[in-house]
Amino acid sequence: MKIYSVLQIGEYHINHCEDFLITKKIGSNKILCAVMDGCSTAMESQFASALFGKILRKISIEKGYEELYETSQVDSLEGELKAVLKELFKEIIVLKNHLMLDEKELLTTVILLLYDMKTDKGIILSIGDGLICIDGKITEFERDNKPDYLAYHLKENFDDWYNNQTQKIFFNQMKNVSIATDGISSFTAVKKTSHNEKIDPINYLLIDTDNIDSEEMLSLKLKRLEHHYGIKPTDDLAIIRMTK
């Protein structure tokens, strides 16, 4: 299995990339991947997406240690994803209070992917906008650019909130799975080219197999989109792609 990732600031953004991504093993068999997109109209949105990513990395490490000492514990993959989210909720609440953060400093979308390499099964949960591609089938979650951010619900009962989450996709026998922030839908022409060739950037980045033997596959594809086809994402972009 190969995992590719790329993070790029949007053409219309100047100071910061407000997206973030992480890929982290949990124990010996599971992988947690996440892409985050901070709200541009909020406060220091690059902070929110990075904060969520750092907390998820911490949780992954802790879950890995727990697996070493609690070998008899068996849970469903969705149950494990729910446990990760519950810890994320707790950590965000603690930090919000400790640092006296405003809600607007915590607005970021999150797409979580948890994959079990042993059983070859996975689950993806999108909290807010974003795009998921599983073996060529694309699912885009879009709420008219008004995502229902996790930070809006920190005062609610976690179980009640989780039970209302419908943007979930299960998969098995993984061959080609990707998660991406909504910047992947923002490609536009930024320079003239000497030809009239056209390309679908979503298909090219998430399905096409050019440069698949290179760890920098997604970065190389972004460079080709810019320099050969003259197009770039106007919004920040984070992609994680897993292939077998």
C-alpha atoms as a PDB file:
ATOM      1  CA  MET A   1       0.000   0.000   0.000  1.00  0.00           C
ATOM      2  CA  LYS A   2       1.152   3.512  -0.853  1.00  0.00           C
ATOM      3  CA  ILE A   3       0.026   6.794   0.681  1.00  0.00           C
ATOM      4  CA  TYR A   4       0.475  10.099  -1.131  1.00  0.00           C
ATOM      5  CA  SER A   5      -0.297  13.535   0.228  1.00  0.00           C
ATOM      6  CA  VAL A   6      -0.005  17.146  -0.805  1.00  0.00           C
ATOM      7  CA  LEU A   7      -0.784  20.528   0.720  1.00  0.00           C
ATOM      8  CA  GLN A   8      -0.873  23.680  -1.402  1.00  0.00           C
ATOM      9  CA  ILE A   9      -1.887  27.280  -0.764  1.00  0.00           C
ATOM     10  CA  GLY A  10      -4.587  28.593  -3.083  1.00  0.00           C
ATOM     11  CA  GLU A  11      -3.820  31.119  -5.799  1.00  0.00           C
ATOM     12  CA  TYR A  12      -6.194  33.630  -4.179  1.00  0.00           C
ATOM     13  CA  HIS A  13      -4.640  33.251  -0.715  1.00  0.00           C
ATOM     14  CA  ILE A  14      -1.619  35.334   0.240  1.00  0.00           C
ATOM     15  CA  ASN A  15      -0.439  34.905   3.828  1.00  0.00           C
ATOM     16  CA  HIS A  16      -1.294  31.405   4.993  1.00  0.00           C
ATOM     17  CA  CYS A  17      -2.451  28.010   3.801  1.00  0.00           C
ATOM     18  CA  GLU A  18      -5.581  27.397   5.881  1.00  0.00           C
ATOM     19  CA  ASP A  19      -5.707  23.668   5.120  1.00  0.00           C
ATOM     20  CA  PHE A  20      -3.860  20.948   7.010  1.00  0.00           C
ATOM     21  CA  LEU A  21      -3.425  17.180   6.782  1.00  0.00           C
ATOM     22  CA  ILE A  22      -2.088  14.270   8.805  1.00  0.00           C
ATOM     23  CA  THR A  23      -1.422  10.584   8.219  1.00  0.00           C
ATOM     24  CA  LYS A  24      -0.639   8.511  11.294  1.00  0.00           C
ATOM     25  CA  LYS A  25      -0.529   4.803  12.116  1.00  0.00           C
ATOM     26  CA  ILE A  26      -2.560   3.597  15.090  1.00  0.00           C
ATOM     27  CA  GLY A  27      -0.861   0.523  16.432  1.00  0.00           C
ATOM     28  CA  SER A  28       0.310  -2.072  13.928  1.00  0.00           C
ATOM     29  CA  ASN A  29      -2.738  -2.430  11.695  1.00  0.00           C
ATOM     30  CA  LYS A  30      -4.646   0.840  11.426  1.00  0.00           C
ATOM     31  CA  ILE A  31      -4.046   4.158   9.704  1.00  0.00           C
ATOM     32  CA  LEU A  32      -5.762   7.433  10.490  1.00  0.00           C
ATOM     33  CA  CYS A  33      -5.818  10.100   7.786  1.00  0.00           C
ATOM     34  CA  ALA A  34      -7.405  13.529   8.001  1.00  0.00           C
ATOM     35  CA  VAL A  35      -7.688  16.694   5.944  1.00  0.00           C
ATOM     36  CA  MET A  36      -8.821  19.970   7.496  1.00  0.00           C
ATOM     37  CA  ASP A  37      -9.975  23.242   5.934  1.00  0.00           C
ATOM     38  CA  GLY A  38     -10.041  26.320   8.158  1.00  0.00           C
ATOM     39  CA  CYS A  39     -12.844  28.824   7.673  1.00  0.00           C
ATOM     40  CA  SER A  40     -11.504  31.816   5.727  1.00  0.00           C
ATOM     41  CA  THR A  41     -14.003  34.229   7.290  1.00  0.00           C
ATOM     42  CA  ALA A  42     -13.158  33.181  10.845  1.00  0.00           C
ATOM     43  CA  MET A  43     -10.185  34.199  13.010  1.00  0.00           C
ATOM     44  CA  GLU A  44      -6.716  32.862  12.130  1.00  0.00           C
ATOM     45  CA  SER A  45      -8.246  29.844  10.441  1.00  0.00           C
ATOM     46  CA  GLN A  46      -4.846  28.293   9.713  1.00  0.00           C
ATOM     47  CA  PHE A  47      -4.545  27.866  13.495  1.00  0.00           C
ATOM     48  CA  ALA A  48      -7.803  25.907  13.766  1.00  0.00           C
ATOM     49  CA  SER A  49      -6.951  23.388  11.046  1.00  0.00           C
ATOM     50  CA  ALA A  50      -3.401  22.867  12.353  1.00  0.00           C
ATOM     51  CA  LEU A  51      -4.651  22.527  15.942  1.00  0.00           C
ATOM     52  CA  PHE A  52      -7.153  19.826  15.003  1.00  0.00           C
ATOM     53  CA  GLY A  53      -4.435  18.000  13.081  1.00  0.00           C
ATOM     54  CA  LYS A  54      -1.963  18.105  15.964  1.00  0.00           C
ATOM     55  CA  ILE A  55      -4.590  16.818  18.393  1.00  0.00           C
ATOM     56  CA  LEU A  56      -5.520  13.961  16.047  1.00  0.00           C
ATOM     57  CA  ARG A  57      -1.847  13.020  15.800  1.00  0.00           C
ATOM     58  CA  LYS A  58      -1.609  12.957  19.610  1.00  0.00           C
ATOM     59  CA  ILE A  59      -4.743  10.803  19.863  1.00  0.00           C
ATOM     60  CA  SER A  60      -3.353   8.364  17.266  1.00  0.00           C
ATOM     61  CA  ILE A  61      -0.147   7.931  19.257  1.00  0.00           C
ATOM     62  CA  GLU A  62      -2.084   7.382  22.481  1.00  0.00           C
ATOM     63  CA  LYS A  63      -4.419   4.858  20.830  1.00  0.00           C
ATOM     64  CA  GLY A  64      -1.371   2.978  19.573  1.00  0.00           C
ATOM     65  CA  TYR A  65       0.003   2.682  23.107  1.00  0.00           C
ATOM     66  CA  GLU A  66      -3.398   1.568  24.390  1.00  0.00           C
ATOM     67  CA  GLU A  67      -3.436  -1.222  21.821  1.00  0.00           C
ATOM     68  CA  LEU A  68      -0.167  -2.563  23.226  1.00  0.00           C
ATOM     69  CA  TYR A  69      -1.584  -2.919  26.728  1.00  0.00           C
ATOM     70  CA  GLU A  70      -5.211  -3.761  25.968  1.00  0.00           C
ATOM     71  CA  THR A  71      -4.826  -6.590  23.490  1.00  0.00           C
ATOM     72  CA  SER A  72      -8.177  -8.157  24.424  1.00  0.00           C
ATOM     73  CA  GLN A  73     -10.143  -5.040  23.524  1.00  0.00           C
ATOM     74  CA  VAL A  74     -12.171  -5.540  20.347  1.00  0.00           C
ATOM     75  CA  ASP A  75     -14.253  -2.822  18.774  1.00  0.00           C
ATOM     76  CA  SER A  76     -15.836  -2.090  15.411  1.00  0.00           C
ATOM     77  CA  LEU A  77     -13.994   0.217  13.061  1.00  0.00           C
ATOM     78  CA  GLU A  78     -16.759   2.790  13.403  1.00  0.00           C
ATOM     79  CA  GLY A  79     -16.567   2.422  17.174  1.00  0.00           C
ATOM     80  CA  GLU A  80     -12.858   3.223  17.012  1.00  0.00           C
ATOM     81  CA  LEU A  81     -13.473   6.244  14.801  1.00  0.00           C
ATOM     82  CA  LYS A  82     -16.126   7.443  17.224  1.00  0.00           C
ATOM     83  CA  ALA A  83     -13.662   7.047  20.110  1.00  0.00           C
ATOM     84  CA  VAL A  84     -11.091   9.159  18.248  1.00  0.00           C
ATOM     85  CA  LEU A  85     -13.680  11.869  17.658  1.00  0.00           C
ATOM     86  CA  LYS A  86     -14.786  11.783  21.268  1.00  0.00           C
ATOM     87  CA  GLU A  87     -11.209  12.408  22.374  1.00  0.00           C
ATOM     88  CA  LEU A  88     -10.927  15.211  19.831  1.00  0.00           C
ATOM     89  CA  PHE A  89     -14.054  16.796  21.326  1.00  0.00           C
ATOM     90  CA  LYS A  90     -12.617  16.575  24.833  1.00  0.00           C
ATOM     91  CA  GLU A  91      -9.238  17.986  23.845  1.00  0.00           C
ATOM     92  CA  ILE A  92     -10.769  20.908  21.943  1.00  0.00           C
ATOM     93  CA  ILE A  93     -13.003  21.807  24.878  1.00  0.00           C
ATOM     94  CA  VAL A  94     -10.044  21.726  27.293  1.00  0.00           C
ATOM     95  CA  LEU A  95      -7.893  23.890  25.028  1.00  0.00           C
ATOM     96  CA  LYS A  96     -10.734  26.287  24.287  1.00  0.00           C
ATOM     97  CA  ASN A  97     -11.160  26.913  28.007  1.00  0.00           C
ATOM     98  CA  HIS A  98      -7.464  26.882  28.869  1.00  0.00           C
ATOM     99  CA  LEU A  99      -6.462  29.320  26.115  1.00  0.00           C
ATOM    100  CA  MET A 100      -9.741  31.282  26.317  1.00  0.00           C
ATOM    101  CA  LEU A 101     -10.337  30.763  22.607  1.00  0.00           C
ATOM    102  CA  ASP A 102     -13.262  32.220  20.740  1.00  0.00           C
ATOM    103  CA  GLU A 103     -15.458  29.820  18.772  1.00  0.00           C
ATOM    104  CA  LYS A 104     -14.365  31.641  15.604  1.00  0.00           C
ATOM    105  CA  GLU A 105     -10.797  30.522  16.290  1.00  0.00           C
ATOM    106  CA  LEU A 106     -11.835  26.855  16.065  1.00  0.00           C
ATOM    107  CA  LEU A 107     -13.756  26.725  12.790  1.00  0.00           C
ATOM    108  CA  THR A 108     -12.399  24.040  10.499  1.00  0.00           C
ATOM    109  CA  THR A 109     -13.868  21.199   8.469  1.00  0.00           C
ATOM    110  CA  VAL A 110     -12.535  17.690   9.093  1.00  0.00           C
ATOM    111  CA  ILE A 111     -12.575  14.606   6.900  1.00  0.00           C
ATOM    112  CA  LEU A 112     -11.440  11.544   8.855  1.00  0.00           C
ATOM    113  CA  LEU A 113     -10.425   8.238   7.294  1.00  0.00           C
ATOM    114  CA  LEU A 114      -9.726   5.175   9.420  1.00  0.00           C
ATOM    115  CA  TYR A 115      -8.432   2.094   7.604  1.00  0.00           C
ATOM    116  CA  ASP A 116      -7.716  -1.354   9.018  1.00  0.00           C
ATOM    117  CA  MET A 117      -4.976  -3.002   6.959  1.00  0.00           C
ATOM    118  CA  LYS A 118      -5.616  -6.415   8.541  1.00  0.00           C
ATOM    119  CA  THR A 119      -9.304  -6.629   7.632  1.00  0.00           C
ATOM    120  CA  ASP A 120      -8.993  -4.384   4.542  1.00  0.00           C
ATOM    121  CA  LYS A 121     -11.936  -2.273   5.694  1.00  0.00           C
ATOM    122  CA  GLY A 122     -12.306   1.444   6.172  1.00  0.00           C
ATOM    123  CA  ILE A 123     -14.641   4.252   7.158  1.00  0.00           C
ATOM    124  CA  ILE A 124     -14.647   7.917   6.178  1.00  0.00           C
ATOM    125  CA  LEU A 125     -16.530  10.673   8.007  1.00  0.00           C
ATOM    126  CA  SER A 126     -16.829  14.182   6.611  1.00  0.00           C
ATOM    127  CA  ILE A 127     -17.623  16.976   9.069  1.00  0.00           C
ATOM    128  CA  GLY A 128     -18.334  19.887   6.769  1.00  0.00           C
ATOM    129  CA  ASP A 129     -17.366  20.302   3.113  1.00  0.00           C
ATOM    130  CA  GLY A 130     -14.977  18.120   1.176  1.00  0.00           C
ATOM    131  CA  LEU A 131     -14.606  15.405  -1.440  1.00  0.00           C
ATOM    132  CA  ILE A 132     -14.123  11.642  -1.218  1.00  0.00           C
ATOM    133  CA  CYS A 133     -13.118   9.326  -4.058  1.00  0.00           C
ATOM    134  CA  ILE A 134     -13.326   5.543  -3.713  1.00  0.00           C
ATOM    135  CA  ASP A 135     -12.228   3.452  -6.705  1.00  0.00           C
ATOM    136  CA  GLY A 136     -13.298   6.156  -9.129  1.00  0.00           C
ATOM    137  CA  LYS A 137     -16.607   6.983  -7.462  1.00  0.00           C
ATOM    138  CA  ILE A 138     -16.650  10.601  -6.328  1.00  0.00           C
ATOM    139  CA  THR A 139     -18.769  11.895  -3.461  1.00  0.00           C
ATOM    140  CA  GLU A 140     -18.741  15.628  -2.802  1.00  0.00           C
ATOM    141  CA  PHE A 141     -20.136  17.120   0.392  1.00  0.00           C
ATOM    142  CA  GLU A 142     -21.086  20.748  -0.077  1.00  0.00           C
ATOM    143  CA  ARG A 143     -23.330  22.935   2.072  1.00  0.00           C
ATOM    144  CA  ASP A 144     -23.443  26.103  -0.032  1.00  0.00           C
ATOM    145  CA  ASN A 145     -20.111  27.156   1.512  1.00  0.00           C
ATOM    146  CA  LYS A 146     -21.673  27.132   5.005  1.00  0.00           C
ATOM    147  CA  PRO A 147     -20.185  24.036   6.672  1.00  0.00           C
ATOM    148  CA  ASP A 148     -21.598  22.730   9.933  1.00  0.00           C
ATOM    149  CA  TYR A 149     -18.328  23.036  11.839  1.00  0.00           C
ATOM    150  CA  LEU A 150     -17.570  20.703  14.737  1.00  0.00           C
ATOM    151  CA  ALA A 151     -16.798  23.716  16.942  1.00  0.00           C
ATOM    152  CA  TYR A 152     -20.455  24.767  16.765  1.00  0.00           C
ATOM    153  CA  HIS A 153     -21.397  21.678  18.795  1.00  0.00           C
ATOM    154  CA  LEU A 154     -18.896  21.580  21.652  1.00  0.00           C
ATOM    155  CA  LYS A 155     -21.612  22.300  24.223  1.00  0.00           C
ATOM    156  CA  GLU A 156     -23.778  19.420  23.028  1.00  0.00           C
ATOM    157  CA  ASN A 157     -23.818  15.822  24.198  1.00  0.00           C
ATOM    158  CA  PHE A 158     -21.206  14.061  22.064  1.00  0.00           C
ATOM    159  CA  ASP A 159     -23.219  10.878  21.475  1.00  0.00           C
ATOM    160  CA  ASP A 160     -26.257  12.857  20.350  1.00  0.00           C
ATOM    161  CA  TRP A 161     -24.105  14.897  17.979  1.00  0.00           C
ATOM    162  CA  TYR A 162     -22.356  11.843  16.556  1.00  0.00           C
ATOM    163  CA  ASN A 163     -25.615  10.005  15.951  1.00  0.00           C
ATOM    164  CA  ASN A 164     -26.720  12.889  13.725  1.00  0.00           C
ATOM    165  CA  GLN A 165     -23.689  12.592  11.447  1.00  0.00           C
ATOM    166  CA  THR A 166     -24.787  11.262   8.059  1.00  0.00           C
ATOM    167  CA  GLN A 167     -21.765  12.055   5.872  1.00  0.00           C
ATOM    168  CA  LYS A 168     -20.247   8.599   6.384  1.00  0.00           C
ATOM    169  CA  ILE A 169     -18.897   6.171   3.815  1.00  0.00           C
ATOM    170  CA  PHE A 170     -17.744   2.586   4.430  1.00  0.00           C
ATOM    171  CA  PHE A 171     -15.443   0.699   2.078  1.00  0.00           C
ATOM    172  CA  ASN A 172     -13.579  -2.596   1.840  1.00  0.00           C
ATOM    173  CA  GLN A 173     -10.989  -4.235  -0.420  1.00  0.00           C
ATOM    174  CA  MET A 174      -9.324  -0.878  -0.874  1.00  0.00           C
ATOM    175  CA  LYS A 175      -7.664  -0.169  -4.222  1.00  0.00           C
ATOM    176  CA  ASN A 176      -7.711   3.618  -4.614  1.00  0.00           C
ATOM    177  CA  VAL A 177      -9.166   5.906  -1.941  1.00  0.00           C
ATOM    178  CA  SER A 178      -8.740   9.670  -1.587  1.00  0.00           C
ATOM    179  CA  ILE A 179      -9.939  12.435   0.686  1.00  0.00           C
ATOM    180  CA  ALA A 180      -9.597  16.109  -0.215  1.00  0.00           C
ATOM    181  CA  THR A 181     -10.648  19.537   0.976  1.00  0.00           C
ATOM    182  CA  ASP A 182     -13.014  21.508  -1.241  1.00  0.00           C
ATOM    183  CA  GLY A 183     -10.082  23.324  -2.821  1.00  0.00           C
ATOM    184  CA  ILE A 184      -9.940  20.456  -5.302  1.00  0.00           C
ATOM    185  CA  SER A 185     -13.022  21.938  -6.973  1.00  0.00           C
ATOM    186  CA  SER A 186     -11.467  25.404  -7.301  1.00  0.00           C
ATOM    187  CA  PHE A 187      -9.075  24.930 -10.229  1.00  0.00           C
ATOM    188  CA  THR A 188      -9.092  27.795 -12.722  1.00  0.00           C
ATOM    189  CA  ALA A 189      -6.915  29.087 -15.547  1.00  0.00           C
ATOM    190  CA  VAL A 190      -4.069  31.287 -14.273  1.00  0.00           C
ATOM    191  CA  LYS A 191      -1.859  31.457 -17.367  1.00  0.00           C
ATOM    192  CA  LYS A 192      -2.135  31.041 -21.112  1.00  0.00           C
ATOM    193  CA  THR A 193      -0.926  27.873 -22.777  1.00  0.00           C
ATOM    194  CA  SER A 194       0.314  27.162 -26.291  1.00  0.00           C
ATOM    195  CA  HIS A 195      -2.271  24.409 -26.824  1.00  0.00           C
ATOM    196  CA  ASN A 196      -5.971  23.731 -26.400  1.00  0.00           C
ATOM    197  CA  GLU A 197      -5.705  20.549 -24.334  1.00  0.00           C
ATOM    198  CA  LYS A 198      -8.233  20.169 -21.521  1.00  0.00           C
ATOM    199  CA  ILE A 199      -8.067  18.067 -18.358  1.00  0.00           C
ATOM    200  CA  ASP A 200     -10.267  17.207 -15.388  1.00  0.00           C
ATOM    201  CA  PRO A 201      -8.065  18.009 -12.344  1.00  0.00           C
ATOM    202  CA  ILE A 202     -10.146  15.881  -9.959  1.00  0.00           C
ATOM    203  CA  ASN A 203      -9.813  12.811 -12.154  1.00  0.00           C
ATOM    204  CA  TYR A 204      -6.133  13.534 -12.770  1.00  0.00           C
ATOM    205  CA  LEU A 205      -5.264  13.918  -9.081  1.00  0.00           C
ATOM    206  CA  LEU A 206      -7.470  11.220  -7.551  1.00  0.00           C
ATOM    207  CA  ILE A 207      -7.872   8.527 -10.224  1.00  0.00           C
ATOM    208  CA  ASP A 208      -5.168   8.830 -12.891  1.00  0.00           C
ATOM    209  CA  THR A 209      -2.040   6.712 -12.284  1.00  0.00           C
ATOM    210  CA  ASP A 210       0.661   8.887 -13.889  1.00  0.00           C
ATOM    211  CA  ASN A 211       3.787   9.025 -11.673  1.00  0.00           C
ATOM    212  CA  ILE A 212       2.259   6.489  -9.275  1.00  0.00           C
ATOM    213  CA  ASP A 213       5.712   5.045  -8.560  1.00  0.00           C
ATOM    214  CA  SER A 214       6.909   8.379  -7.164  1.00  0.00           C
ATOM    215  CA  GLU A 215       6.303   9.402  -3.554  1.00  0.00           C
ATOM    216  CA  GLU A 216       5.791  12.928  -4.927  1.00  0.00           C
ATOM    217  CA  MET A 217       3.053  11.861  -7.340  1.00  0.00           C
ATOM    218  CA  LEU A 218       0.508  14.480  -6.247  1.00  0.00           C
ATOM    219  CA  SER A 219       3.071  17.295  -6.202  1.00  0.00           C
ATOM    220  CA  LEU A 220       4.216  16.340  -9.702  1.00  0.00           C
ATOM    221  CA  LYS A 221       0.628  16.307 -10.914  1.00  0.00           C
ATOM    222  CA  LEU A 222      -0.019  19.759  -9.461  1.00  0.00           C
ATOM    223  CA  LYS A 223       3.077  21.089 -11.228  1.00  0.00           C
ATOM    224  CA  ARG A 224       1.923  19.613 -14.539  1.00  0.00           C
ATOM    225  CA  LEU A 225      -1.533  21.104 -14.094  1.00  0.00           C
ATOM    226  CA  GLU A 226       0.053  24.507 -13.557  1.00  0.00           C
ATOM    227  CA  HIS A 227       2.850  24.505 -16.109  1.00  0.00           C
ATOM    228  CA  HIS A 228       1.310  22.458 -18.929  1.00  0.00           C
ATOM    229  CA  TYR A 229      -2.416  23.112 -18.555  1.00  0.00           C
ATOM    230  CA  GLY A 230      -2.121  26.571 -16.950  1.00  0.00           C
ATOM    231  CA  ILE A 231      -4.523  25.849 -14.072  1.00  0.00           C
ATOM    232  CA  LYS A 232      -4.148  26.089 -10.288  1.00  0.00           C
ATOM    233  CA  PRO A 233      -6.501  25.803  -7.294  1.00  0.00           C
ATOM    234  CA  THR A 234      -7.702  29.219  -6.195  1.00  0.00           C
ATOM    235  CA  ASP A 235      -8.558  27.849  -2.749  1.00  0.00           C
ATOM    236  CA  ASP A 236      -6.153  26.016  -0.436  1.00  0.00           C
ATOM    237  CA  LEU A 237      -5.920  22.312  -1.131  1.00  0.00           C
ATOM    238  CA  ALA A 238      -5.129  19.227   0.953  1.00  0.00           C
ATOM    239  CA  ILE A 239      -5.218  15.708  -0.517  1.00  0.00           C
ATOM    240  CA  ILE A 240      -4.436  12.259   0.856  1.00  0.00           C
ATOM    241  CA  ARG A 241      -4.569   9.354  -1.588  1.00  0.00           C
ATOM    242  CA  MET A 242      -4.113   5.658  -0.720  1.00  0.00           C
ATOM    243  CA  THR A 243      -3.523   2.995  -3.375  1.00  0.00           C
ATOM    244  CA  LYS A 244      -2.751  -0.688  -3.603  1.00  0.00           C
END
